[in-house]
Structures are given as C-alpha cells and as structure tokens.
Amino acid sequence: MLDLTGIIEVDLHGMRVEEAKNKIDKVLDSAGSGVYRIRCIHGFHGGTKIKSMIYEEYSYGREPRVLRILPGNNMGTTDLVLKEYY
C-alpha cells in the first residue's frame, strides 16, 4: 500500500476475490481525510474476477464512501473515487 499525496495504491495481484475485497475494505476503513482516491492494482492477464468484484461491490451506491469508480490509466487498474479533488 502506497500513499501518493491523496492516492492510496493497493496491489491485489495473486489474491483471491474474497482476499482482495477484505484488503480493499481495510484500506477504506483506514483511509484518512486526505485520501481522495484508492487505486486498485489488479492486473488483467490473470482474468477479470477482481475487477468485476470491484464494480459489483463498490458501485451503484453500495458503498457510501465511494462516490464513483473510474478505469485506471491501464487495463490493470481501477480507481475508487472517495471525494472530488479540485
């Protein structure tokens, strides 16, 4: 886990779906007020189960701390937006 001025990066490589969900939940619980985005690094060569879980579990208002989900800069990352950065 790496905090880059308001962005926390979470590496989920090699995890099962339930392990990845638990890791994301822990990061959400510990994210301070200065964190506006969580970048989930899940990769894309090993399948899309974790990416699909992120969209299913954290979008559509299911997680009140997540405003929206954005695709990352590449196919192997997904960003959870916690608040807008202006």
Protein backbone atom coordinates (compact mmCIF):
# COMPACT_ATOMS: atom_id res chain seq x y z
CA MET A 1 0.00 0.00 0.00
CA LEU A 2 1.45 3.35 -1.05
CA ASP A 3 0.04 6.81 -0.35
CA LEU A 4 0.93 9.29 -3.10
CA THR A 5 -0.44 12.60 -1.87
CA GLY A 6 -4.06 11.64 -1.52
CA ILE A 7 -3.97 8.45 -3.57
CA ILE A 8 -3.54 5.06 -1.93
CA GLU A 9 -2.35 2.27 -4.21
CA VAL A 10 -3.34 -1.27 -3.26
CA ASP A 11 -1.67 -4.21 -5.00
CA LEU A 12 -4.15 -7.10 -5.33
CA HIS A 13 -2.02 -9.36 -7.55
CA GLY A 14 -2.19 -13.03 -6.62
CA MET A 15 -5.18 -12.63 -4.29
CA ARG A 16 -8.44 -14.49 -4.44
CA VAL A 17 -11.57 -12.37 -4.83
CA GLU A 18 -12.54 -12.52 -1.16
CA GLU A 19 -8.97 -11.65 -0.08
CA ALA A 20 -8.97 -8.66 -2.42
CA LYS A 21 -12.35 -7.47 -1.07
CA ASN A 22 -11.09 -7.73 2.52
CA LYS A 23 -7.94 -5.79 1.62
CA ILE A 24 -9.92 -3.01 -0.08
CA ASP A 25 -12.32 -2.82 2.88
CA LYS A 26 -9.39 -2.46 5.31
CA VAL A 27 -7.90 0.33 3.22
CA LEU A 28 -11.28 2.09 3.05
CA ASP A 29 -11.62 1.81 6.84
CA SER A 30 -8.18 3.26 7.47
CA ALA A 31 -8.22 5.98 4.79
CA GLY A 32 -7.79 9.38 6.37
CA SER A 33 -9.49 12.60 5.36
CA GLY A 34 -6.64 13.47 2.98
CA VAL A 35 -7.26 10.43 0.81
CA TYR A 36 -9.44 11.13 -2.20
CA ARG A 37 -8.74 8.05 -4.32
CA ILE A 38 -7.86 4.38 -3.87
CA ARG A 39 -6.09 2.84 -6.86
CA CYS A 40 -6.68 -0.91 -7.02
CA ILE A 41 -3.94 -2.68 -8.97
CA HIS A 42 -5.45 -5.99 -10.03
CA GLY A 43 -3.76 -6.75 -13.35
CA PHE A 44 -5.53 -8.13 -16.39
CA HIS A 45 -3.57 -11.15 -17.61
CA GLY A 46 -4.95 -13.47 -14.92
CA GLY A 47 -8.61 -12.79 -15.61
CA THR A 48 -11.10 -10.15 -14.59
CA LYS A 49 -12.69 -11.59 -11.45
CA ILE A 50 -11.23 -8.98 -9.09
CA LYS A 51 -12.05 -6.13 -11.47
CA SER A 52 -15.62 -7.41 -11.77
CA MET A 53 -15.91 -7.71 -7.98
CA ILE A 54 -14.77 -4.08 -7.56
CA TYR A 55 -17.51 -2.84 -9.90
CA GLU A 56 -20.15 -5.09 -8.31
CA GLU A 57 -19.30 -4.33 -4.67
CA TYR A 58 -18.38 -0.65 -4.75
CA SER A 59 -20.56 0.96 -7.41
CA TYR A 60 -24.24 1.89 -7.61
CA GLY A 61 -24.26 3.34 -4.09
CA ARG A 62 -23.47 0.02 -2.41
CA GLU A 63 -20.50 1.52 -0.58
CA PRO A 64 -21.34 5.00 0.74
CA ARG A 65 -17.68 6.04 0.99
CA VAL A 66 -17.15 5.54 -2.77
CA LEU A 67 -18.54 8.32 -4.98
CA ARG A 68 -17.74 6.60 -8.25
CA ILE A 69 -15.43 4.15 -9.97
CA LEU A 70 -13.07 5.04 -12.79
CA PRO A 71 -10.99 2.82 -15.03
CA GLY A 72 -7.31 3.37 -14.37
CA ASN A 73 -4.64 4.55 -16.76
CA ASN A 74 -4.27 0.96 -17.98
CA MET A 75 -6.46 -2.14 -18.05
CA GLY A 76 -4.87 -3.48 -14.87
CA THR A 77 -6.05 -0.74 -12.51
CA THR A 78 -9.36 0.59 -11.23
CA ASP A 79 -9.79 3.73 -9.11
CA LEU A 80 -12.30 4.18 -6.31
CA VAL A 81 -13.04 7.90 -6.01
CA LEU A 82 -13.78 8.83 -2.40
CA LYS A 83 -14.10 12.57 -2.97
CA GLU A 84 -13.53 15.01 -5.77
CA TYR A 85 -10.12 16.64 -5.99
CA TYR A 86 -10.16 20.24 -7.13
